[in-house]
PDB file of N, CA and C in Angstrom:
ATOM      1  N   MET A   1     -34.132  45.250  -8.376  1.00  0.00           N
ATOM      2  CA  MET A   1     -33.125  44.345  -7.901  1.00  0.00           C
ATOM      3  C   MET A   1     -32.706  43.427  -9.044  1.00  0.00           C
ATOM      4  N   ARG A   2     -31.426  43.171  -9.135  1.00  0.00           N
ATOM      5  CA  ARG A   2     -30.895  42.268 -10.149  1.00  0.00           C
ATOM      6  C   ARG A   2     -30.827  40.850  -9.595  1.00  0.00           C
ATOM      7  N   PHE A   3     -30.814  39.882 -10.509  1.00  0.00           N
ATOM      8  CA  PHE A   3     -30.730  38.478 -10.116  1.00  0.00           C
ATOM      9  C   PHE A   3     -29.448  38.209  -9.330  1.00  0.00           C
ATOM     10  N   SER A   4     -28.349  38.821  -9.734  1.00  0.00           N
ATOM     11  CA  SER A   4     -27.078  38.614  -9.033  1.00  0.00           C
ATOM     12  C   SER A   4     -27.150  39.110  -7.583  1.00  0.00           C
ATOM     13  N   GLU A   5     -27.907  40.164  -7.328  1.00  0.00           N
ATOM     14  CA  GLU A   5     -28.089  40.648  -5.962  1.00  0.00           C
ATOM     15  C   GLU A   5     -28.941  39.680  -5.146  1.00  0.00           C
ATOM     16  N   LEU A   6     -29.948  39.093  -5.782  1.00  0.00           N
ATOM     17  CA  LEU A   6     -30.810  38.124  -5.104  1.00  0.00           C
ATOM     18  C   LEU A   6     -30.027  36.868  -4.736  1.00  0.00           C
ATOM     19  N   CYS A   7     -29.084  36.458  -5.575  1.00  0.00           N
ATOM     20  CA  CYS A   7     -28.289  35.256  -5.310  1.00  0.00           C
ATOM     21  C   CYS A   7     -27.369  35.416  -4.108  1.00  0.00           C
ATOM     22  N   GLU A   8     -27.033  36.636  -3.742  1.00  0.00           N
ATOM     23  CA  GLU A   8     -26.142  36.882  -2.605  1.00  0.00           C
ATOM     24  C   GLU A   8     -26.869  36.798  -1.263  1.00  0.00           C
ATOM     25  N   LYS A   9     -28.180  36.803  -1.275  1.00  0.00           N
ATOM     26  CA  LYS A   9     -28.961  36.831  -0.032  1.00  0.00           C
ATOM     27  C   LYS A   9     -29.188  35.418   0.506  1.00  0.00           C
ATOM     28  N   GLU A  10     -29.198  35.294   1.831  1.00  0.00           N
ATOM     29  CA  GLU A  10     -29.501  34.035   2.490  1.00  0.00           C
ATOM     30  C   GLU A  10     -31.012  33.853   2.561  1.00  0.00           C
ATOM     31  N   VAL A  11     -31.475  32.628   2.377  1.00  0.00           N
ATOM     32  CA  VAL A  11     -32.901  32.313   2.473  1.00  0.00           C
ATOM     33  C   VAL A  11     -33.149  31.667   3.834  1.00  0.00           C
ATOM     34  N   ILE A  12     -34.071  32.245   4.603  1.00  0.00           N
ATOM     35  CA  ILE A  12     -34.393  31.779   5.959  1.00  0.00           C
ATOM     36  C   ILE A  12     -35.876  31.437   6.027  1.00  0.00           C
ATOM     37  N   ASN A  13     -36.179  30.269   6.599  1.00  0.00           N
ATOM     38  CA  ASN A  13     -37.565  29.855   6.805  1.00  0.00           C
ATOM     39  C   ASN A  13     -38.015  30.371   8.170  1.00  0.00           C
ATOM     40  N   VAL A  14     -39.074  31.163   8.209  1.00  0.00           N
ATOM     41  CA  VAL A  14     -39.534  31.748   9.473  1.00  0.00           C
ATOM     42  C   VAL A  14     -40.269  30.739  10.355  1.00  0.00           C
ATOM     43  N   LYS A  15     -40.711  29.621   9.818  1.00  0.00           N
ATOM     44  CA  LYS A  15     -41.408  28.608  10.627  1.00  0.00           C
ATOM     45  C   LYS A  15     -40.494  28.026  11.694  1.00  0.00           C
ATOM     46  N   ASP A  16     -39.213  27.749  11.317  1.00  0.00           N
ATOM     47  CA  ASP A  16     -38.274  27.164  12.268  1.00  0.00           C
ATOM     48  C   ASP A  16     -36.974  27.960  12.380  1.00  0.00           C
ATOM     49  N   CYS A  17     -36.943  29.139  11.768  1.00  0.00           N
ATOM     50  CA  CYS A  17     -35.766  30.024  11.789  1.00  0.00           C
ATOM     51  C   CYS A  17     -34.513  29.314  11.292  1.00  0.00           C
ATOM     52  N   CYS A  18     -34.685  28.465  10.289  1.00  0.00           N
ATOM     53  CA  CYS A  18     -33.596  27.657   9.770  1.00  0.00           C
ATOM     54  C   CYS A  18     -33.049  28.259   8.470  1.00  0.00           C
ATOM     55  N   TYR A  19     -31.726  28.227   8.346  1.00  0.00           N
ATOM     56  CA  TYR A  19     -31.062  28.675   7.122  1.00  0.00           C
ATOM     57  C   TYR A  19     -31.278  27.623   6.048  1.00  0.00           C
ATOM     58  N   ILE A  20     -31.760  28.027   4.875  1.00  0.00           N
ATOM     59  CA  ILE A  20     -32.016  27.091   3.786  1.00  0.00           C
ATOM     60  C   ILE A  20     -30.874  27.107   2.779  1.00  0.00           C
ATOM     61  N   GLY A  21     -30.380  28.275   2.439  1.00  0.00           N
ATOM     62  CA  GLY A  21     -29.291  28.384   1.471  1.00  0.00           C
ATOM     63  C   GLY A  21     -29.357  29.718   0.746  1.00  0.00           C
ATOM     64  N   HIS A  22     -28.725  29.777  -0.418  1.00  0.00           N
ATOM     65  CA  HIS A  22     -28.747  30.964  -1.268  1.00  0.00           C
ATOM     66  C   HIS A  22     -29.532  30.655  -2.538  1.00  0.00           C
ATOM     67  N   VAL A  23     -30.156  31.662  -3.110  1.00  0.00           N
ATOM     68  CA  VAL A  23     -30.932  31.497  -4.341  1.00  0.00           C
ATOM     69  C   VAL A  23     -29.996  31.083  -5.467  1.00  0.00           C
ATOM     70  N   GLN A  24     -30.376  30.023  -6.189  1.00  0.00           N
ATOM     71  CA  GLN A  24     -29.577  29.537  -7.308  1.00  0.00           C
ATOM     72  C   GLN A  24     -30.229  29.862  -8.646  1.00  0.00           C
ATOM     73  N   ASP A  25     -31.554  29.852  -8.687  1.00  0.00           N
ATOM     74  CA  ASP A  25     -32.258  30.024  -9.949  1.00  0.00           C
ATOM     75  C   ASP A  25     -33.643  30.604  -9.692  1.00  0.00           C
ATOM     76  N   ILE A  26     -34.268  31.080 -10.758  1.00  0.00           N
ATOM     77  CA  ILE A  26     -35.630  31.605 -10.700  1.00  0.00           C
ATOM     78  C   ILE A  26     -36.443  30.931 -11.802  1.00  0.00           C
ATOM     79  N   VAL A  27     -37.685  30.566 -11.489  1.00  0.00           N
ATOM     80  CA  VAL A  27     -38.588  29.965 -12.472  1.00  0.00           C
ATOM     81  C   VAL A  27     -39.607  31.015 -12.892  1.00  0.00           C
ATOM     82  N   PHE A  28     -39.695  31.270 -14.205  1.00  0.00           N
ATOM     83  CA  PHE A  28     -40.621  32.257 -14.760  1.00  0.00           C
ATOM     84  C   PHE A  28     -41.788  31.584 -15.447  1.00  0.00           C
ATOM     85  N   ASP A  29     -42.936  32.270 -15.479  1.00  0.00           N
ATOM     86  CA  ASP A  29     -44.057  31.879 -16.323  1.00  0.00           C
ATOM     87  C   ASP A  29     -43.801  32.519 -17.678  1.00  0.00           C
ATOM     88  N   SER A  30     -43.611  31.713 -18.694  1.00  0.00           N
ATOM     89  CA  SER A  30     -43.216  32.235 -20.006  1.00  0.00           C
ATOM     90  C   SER A  30     -44.321  33.036 -20.697  1.00  0.00           C
ATOM     91  N   GLU A  31     -45.564  32.820 -20.310  1.00  0.00           N
ATOM     92  CA  GLU A  31     -46.659  33.537 -20.970  1.00  0.00           C
ATOM     93  C   GLU A  31     -46.853  34.949 -20.423  1.00  0.00           C
ATOM     94  N   CYS A  32     -46.778  35.101 -19.119  1.00  0.00           N
ATOM     95  CA  CYS A  32     -47.018  36.427 -18.547  1.00  0.00           C
ATOM     96  C   CYS A  32     -45.745  37.101 -18.033  1.00  0.00           C
ATOM     97  N   GLY A  33     -44.640  36.356 -17.932  1.00  0.00           N
ATOM     98  CA  GLY A  33     -43.373  36.934 -17.510  1.00  0.00           C
ATOM     99  C   GLY A  33     -43.221  37.132 -16.022  1.00  0.00           C
ATOM    100  N   LYS A  34     -44.110  36.542 -15.226  1.00  0.00           N
ATOM    101  CA  LYS A  34     -44.025  36.678 -13.766  1.00  0.00           C
ATOM    102  C   LYS A  34     -43.104  35.601 -13.183  1.00  0.00           C
ATOM    103  N   ILE A  35     -42.515  35.927 -12.032  1.00  0.00           N
ATOM    104  CA  ILE A  35     -41.694  34.955 -11.312  1.00  0.00           C
ATOM    105  C   ILE A  35     -42.630  34.000 -10.579  1.00  0.00           C
ATOM    106  N   CYS A  36     -42.442  32.693 -10.789  1.00  0.00           N
ATOM    107  CA  CYS A  36     -43.259  31.681 -10.119  1.00  0.00           C
ATOM    108  C   CYS A  36     -42.584  31.163  -8.859  1.00  0.00           C
ATOM    109  N   ASP A  37     -41.300  30.800  -8.960  1.00  0.00           N
ATOM    110  CA  ASP A  37     -40.579  30.169  -7.858  1.00  0.00           C
ATOM    111  C   ASP A  37     -39.137  30.669  -7.821  1.00  0.00           C
ATOM    112  N   ILE A  38     -38.530  30.518  -6.633  1.00  0.00           N
ATOM    113  CA  ILE A  38     -37.083  30.631  -6.536  1.00  0.00           C
ATOM    114  C   ILE A  38     -36.559  29.248  -6.175  1.00  0.00           C
ATOM    115  N   VAL A  39     -35.379  28.917  -6.646  1.00  0.00           N
ATOM    116  CA  VAL A  39     -34.790  27.603  -6.435  1.00  0.00           C
ATOM    117  C   VAL A  39     -33.533  27.755  -5.581  1.00  0.00           C
ATOM    118  N   VAL A  40     -33.477  26.963  -4.512  1.00  0.00           N
ATOM    119  CA  VAL A  40     -32.337  26.953  -3.596  1.00  0.00           C
ATOM    120  C   VAL A  40     -31.814  25.520  -3.541  1.00  0.00           C
ATOM    121  N   PRO A  41     -30.504  25.302  -3.768  1.00  0.00           N
ATOM    122  CA  PRO A  41     -29.981  23.930  -3.714  1.00  0.00           C
ATOM    123  C   PRO A  41     -30.099  23.341  -2.319  1.00  0.00           C
ATOM    124  N   GLY A  42     -30.377  22.043  -2.257  1.00  0.00           N
ATOM    125  CA  GLY A  42     -30.452  21.340  -0.980  1.00  0.00           C
ATOM    126  C   GLY A  42     -29.058  21.069  -0.439  1.00  0.00           C
ATOM    127  N   PRO A  43     -28.990  20.511   0.761  1.00  0.00           N
ATOM    128  CA  PRO A  43     -27.681  20.231   1.353  1.00  0.00           C
ATOM    129  C   PRO A  43     -26.952  19.125   0.603  1.00  0.00           C
ATOM    130  N   GLY A  44     -25.632  19.224   0.573  1.00  0.00           N
ATOM    131  CA  GLY A  44     -24.812  18.209  -0.081  1.00  0.00           C
ATOM    132  C   GLY A  44     -24.616  16.999   0.813  1.00  0.00           C
ATOM    133  N   LYS A  45     -24.374  15.852   0.200  1.00  0.00           N
ATOM    134  CA  LYS A  45     -24.180  14.614   0.955  1.00  0.00           C
ATOM    135  C   LYS A  45     -22.780  14.538   1.564  1.00  0.00           C
ATOM    136  N   TYR A  46     -21.780  14.759   0.747  1.00  0.00           N
ATOM    137  CA  TYR A  46     -20.398  14.576   1.179  1.00  0.00           C
ATOM    138  C   TYR A  46     -19.740  15.912   1.468  1.00  0.00           C
ATOM    139  N   LEU A  47     -19.341  16.113   2.716  1.00  0.00           N
ATOM    140  CA  LEU A  47     -18.691  17.340   3.152  1.00  0.00           C
ATOM    141  C   LEU A  47     -19.540  18.580   2.895  1.00  0.00           C
ATOM    142  N   GLY A  48     -20.842  18.386   2.776  1.00  0.00           N
ATOM    143  CA  GLY A  48     -21.763  19.493   2.608  1.00  0.00           C
ATOM    144  C   GLY A  48     -21.767  20.158   1.252  1.00  0.00           C
ATOM    145  N   CYS A  49     -21.125  19.542   0.248  1.00  0.00           N
ATOM    146  CA  CYS A  49     -21.086  20.237  -1.039  1.00  0.00           C
ATOM    147  C   CYS A  49     -21.261  19.335  -2.259  1.00  0.00           C
ATOM    148  N   LEU A  50     -21.182  18.039  -2.144  1.00  0.00           N
ATOM    149  CA  LEU A  50     -21.273  17.169  -3.309  1.00  0.00           C
ATOM    150  C   LEU A  50     -22.556  16.356  -3.314  1.00  0.00           C
ATOM    151  N   CYS A  51     -23.023  16.001  -4.483  1.00  0.00           N
ATOM    152  CA  CYS A  51     -24.137  15.064  -4.688  1.00  0.00           C
ATOM    153  C   CYS A  51     -25.410  15.466  -3.949  1.00  0.00           C
ATOM    154  N   ARG A  52     -26.108  16.427  -4.448  1.00  0.00           N
ATOM    155  CA  ARG A  52     -27.363  16.856  -3.838  1.00  0.00           C
ATOM    156  C   ARG A  52     -28.511  15.964  -4.326  1.00  0.00           C
ATOM    157  N   ASP A  53     -29.372  15.542  -3.404  1.00  0.00           N
ATOM    158  CA  ASP A  53     -30.509  14.690  -3.741  1.00  0.00           C
ATOM    159  C   ASP A  53     -31.734  15.496  -4.159  1.00  0.00           C
ATOM    160  N   TYR A  54     -31.848  16.687  -3.629  1.00  0.00           N
ATOM    161  CA  TYR A  54     -33.036  17.488  -3.890  1.00  0.00           C
ATOM    162  C   TYR A  54     -32.668  18.968  -3.835  1.00  0.00           C
ATOM    163  N   GLU A  55     -33.627  19.770  -4.268  1.00  0.00           N
ATOM    164  CA  GLU A  55     -33.491  21.221  -4.163  1.00  0.00           C
ATOM    165  C   GLU A  55     -34.802  21.762  -3.621  1.00  0.00           C
ATOM    166  N   TYR A  56     -34.753  22.955  -3.079  1.00  0.00           N
ATOM    167  CA  TYR A  56     -35.950  23.602  -2.568  1.00  0.00           C
ATOM    168  C   TYR A  56     -36.527  24.490  -3.655  1.00  0.00           C
ATOM    169  N   CYS A  57     -37.782  24.311  -3.954  1.00  0.00           N
ATOM    170  CA  CYS A  57     -38.493  25.120  -4.936  1.00  0.00           C
ATOM    171  C   CYS A  57     -39.549  25.911  -4.150  1.00  0.00           C
ATOM    172  N   ILE A  58     -39.283  27.200  -3.956  1.00  0.00           N
ATOM    173  CA  ILE A  58     -40.115  28.031  -3.080  1.00  0.00           C
ATOM    174  C   ILE A  58     -41.010  28.935  -3.922  1.00  0.00           C
ATOM    175  N   PRO A  59     -42.326  28.777  -3.829  1.00  0.00           N
ATOM    176  CA  PRO A  59     -43.235  29.642  -4.594  1.00  0.00           C
ATOM    177  C   PRO A  59     -43.054  31.117  -4.214  1.00  0.00           C
ATOM    178  N   TRP A  60     -43.160  31.985  -5.197  1.00  0.00           N
ATOM    179  CA  TRP A  60     -42.977  33.417  -4.989  1.00  0.00           C
ATOM    180  C   TRP A  60     -43.962  33.964  -3.959  1.00  0.00           C
ATOM    181  N   VAL A  61     -45.170  33.415  -3.902  1.00  0.00           N
ATOM    182  CA  VAL A  61     -46.183  33.901  -2.961  1.00  0.00           C
ATOM    183  C   VAL A  61     -45.835  33.566  -1.514  1.00  0.00           C
ATOM    184  N   LYS A  62     -44.906  32.645  -1.283  1.00  0.00           N
ATOM    185  CA  LYS A  62     -44.495  32.256   0.066  1.00  0.00           C
ATOM    186  C   LYS A  62     -43.326  33.095   0.587  1.00  0.00           C
ATOM    187  N   ILE A  63     -42.833  34.030  -0.232  1.00  0.00           N
ATOM    188  CA  ILE A  63     -41.772  34.929   0.209  1.00  0.00           C
ATOM    189  C   ILE A  63     -42.422  36.064   0.990  1.00  0.00           C
ATOM    190  N   LEU A  64     -42.018  36.222   2.249  1.00  0.00           N
ATOM    191  CA  LEU A  64     -42.597  37.252   3.106  1.00  0.00           C
ATOM    192  C   LEU A  64     -41.905  38.594   2.923  1.00  0.00           C
ATOM    193  N   LYS A  65     -40.586  38.582   2.867  1.00  0.00           N
ATOM    194  CA  LYS A  65     -39.832  39.832   2.825  1.00  0.00           C
ATOM    195  C   LYS A  65     -38.472  39.579   2.188  1.00  0.00           C
ATOM    196  N   ILE A  66     -38.051  40.500   1.336  1.00  0.00           N
ATOM    197  CA  ILE A  66     -36.698  40.495   0.792  1.00  0.00           C
ATOM    198  C   ILE A  66     -35.995  41.699   1.383  1.00  0.00           C
ATOM    199  N   GLY A  67     -35.058  41.434   2.276  1.00  0.00           N
ATOM    200  CA  GLY A  67     -34.332  42.499   2.956  1.00  0.00           C
ATOM    201  C   GLY A  67     -32.969  42.721   2.328  1.00  0.00           C
ATOM    202  N   PRO A  68     -32.151  43.569   2.952  1.00  0.00           N
ATOM    203  CA  PRO A  68     -30.829  43.859   2.408  1.00  0.00           C
ATOM    204  C   PRO A  68     -29.884  42.658   2.465  1.00  0.00           C
ATOM    205  N   ASP A  69     -30.093  41.724   3.418  1.00  0.00           N
ATOM    206  CA  ASP A  69     -29.195  40.580   3.579  1.00  0.00           C
ATOM    207  C   ASP A  69     -29.870  39.231   3.420  1.00  0.00           C
ATOM    208  N   ILE A  70     -31.184  39.160   3.683  1.00  0.00           N
ATOM    209  CA  ILE A  70     -31.861  37.865   3.702  1.00  0.00           C
ATOM    210  C   ILE A  70     -33.199  37.910   2.966  1.00  0.00           C
ATOM    211  N   VAL A  71     -33.673  36.710   2.642  1.00  0.00           N
ATOM    212  CA  VAL A  71     -35.007  36.510   2.077  1.00  0.00           C
ATOM    213  C   VAL A  71     -35.763  35.646   3.081  1.00  0.00           C
ATOM    214  N   LEU A  72     -36.875  36.156   3.602  1.00  0.00           N
ATOM    215  CA  LEU A  72     -37.678  35.409   4.566  1.00  0.00           C
ATOM    216  C   LEU A  72     -38.814  34.696   3.845  1.00  0.00           C
ATOM    217  N   VAL A  73     -38.931  33.381   4.081  1.00  0.00           N
ATOM    218  CA  VAL A  73     -39.992  32.584   3.478  1.00  0.00           C
ATOM    219  C   VAL A  73     -40.787  31.892   4.574  1.00  0.00           C
ATOM    220  N   ASP A  74     -42.019  31.526   4.288  1.00  0.00           N
ATOM    221  CA  ASP A  74     -42.900  30.860   5.242  1.00  0.00           C
ATOM    222  C   ASP A  74     -43.414  29.582   4.599  1.00  0.00           C
ATOM    223  N   MET A  75     -42.680  28.469   4.800  1.00  0.00           N
ATOM    224  CA  MET A  75     -43.046  27.202   4.162  1.00  0.00           C
ATOM    225  C   MET A  75     -42.651  26.034   5.042  1.00  0.00           C
ATOM    226  N   ASP A  76     -43.358  24.922   4.879  1.00  0.00           N
ATOM    227  CA  ASP A  76     -42.938  23.661   5.472  1.00  0.00           C
ATOM    228  C   ASP A  76     -41.799  23.110   4.627  1.00  0.00           C
ATOM    229  N   GLU A  77     -40.766  22.587   5.274  1.00  0.00           N
ATOM    230  CA  GLU A  77     -39.582  22.120   4.547  1.00  0.00           C
ATOM    231  C   GLU A  77     -39.916  21.001   3.565  1.00  0.00           C
ATOM    232  N   GLU A  78     -40.777  20.068   3.969  1.00  0.00           N
ATOM    233  CA  GLU A  78     -41.129  18.953   3.091  1.00  0.00           C
ATOM    234  C   GLU A  78     -41.862  19.437   1.832  1.00  0.00           C
ATOM    235  N   ALA A  79     -42.661  20.475   1.965  1.00  0.00           N
ATOM    236  CA  ALA A  79     -43.414  20.989   0.818  1.00  0.00           C
ATOM    237  C   ALA A  79     -42.501  21.666  -0.202  1.00  0.00           C
ATOM    238  N   MET A  80     -41.337  22.131   0.253  1.00  0.00           N
ATOM    239  CA  MET A  80     -40.420  22.838  -0.627  1.00  0.00           C
ATOM    240  C   MET A  80     -39.523  21.903  -1.426  1.00  0.00           C
ATOM    241  N   ARG A  81     -39.317  20.682  -0.971  1.00  0.00           N
ATOM    242  CA  ARG A  81     -38.353  19.777  -1.607  1.00  0.00           C
ATOM    243  C   ARG A  81     -38.808  19.343  -2.983  1.00  0.00           C
ATOM    244  N   ARG A  82     -37.855  19.305  -3.903  1.00  0.00           N
ATOM    245  CA  ARG A  82     -38.109  18.814  -5.259  1.00  0.00           C
ATOM    246  C   ARG A  82     -36.938  17.920  -5.639  1.00  0.00           C
ATOM    247  N   LYS A  83     -37.228  16.701  -6.019  1.00  0.00           N
ATOM    248  CA  LYS A  83     -36.194  15.726  -6.386  1.00  0.00           C
ATOM    249  C   LYS A  83     -35.441  16.198  -7.619  1.00  0.00           C
ATOM    250  N   ILE A  84     -34.121  16.068  -7.589  1.00  0.00           N
ATOM    251  CA  ILE A  84     -33.295  16.450  -8.741  1.00  0.00           C
ATOM    252  C   ILE A  84     -33.185  15.304  -9.697  1.00  0.00           C
TER     253      ILE A  84
END
């Protein structure tokens, strides 16, 4: 799978069946080359698109399934937040 294909998929949290967003970035371990986290932008303040306060940083081990349309994750929302 290419990164561009991963960015097109919706990220869904299975704990509350809530839509989180689309993948924006990936964090790699530079020493071993493994994927550590995926990064999903948080909700925007104004009209849902401007001035984001935080982003979701989801550890790779918390991804349950990558399907043709969605990425299923199992995380508490507060644990995923990372201040920008």
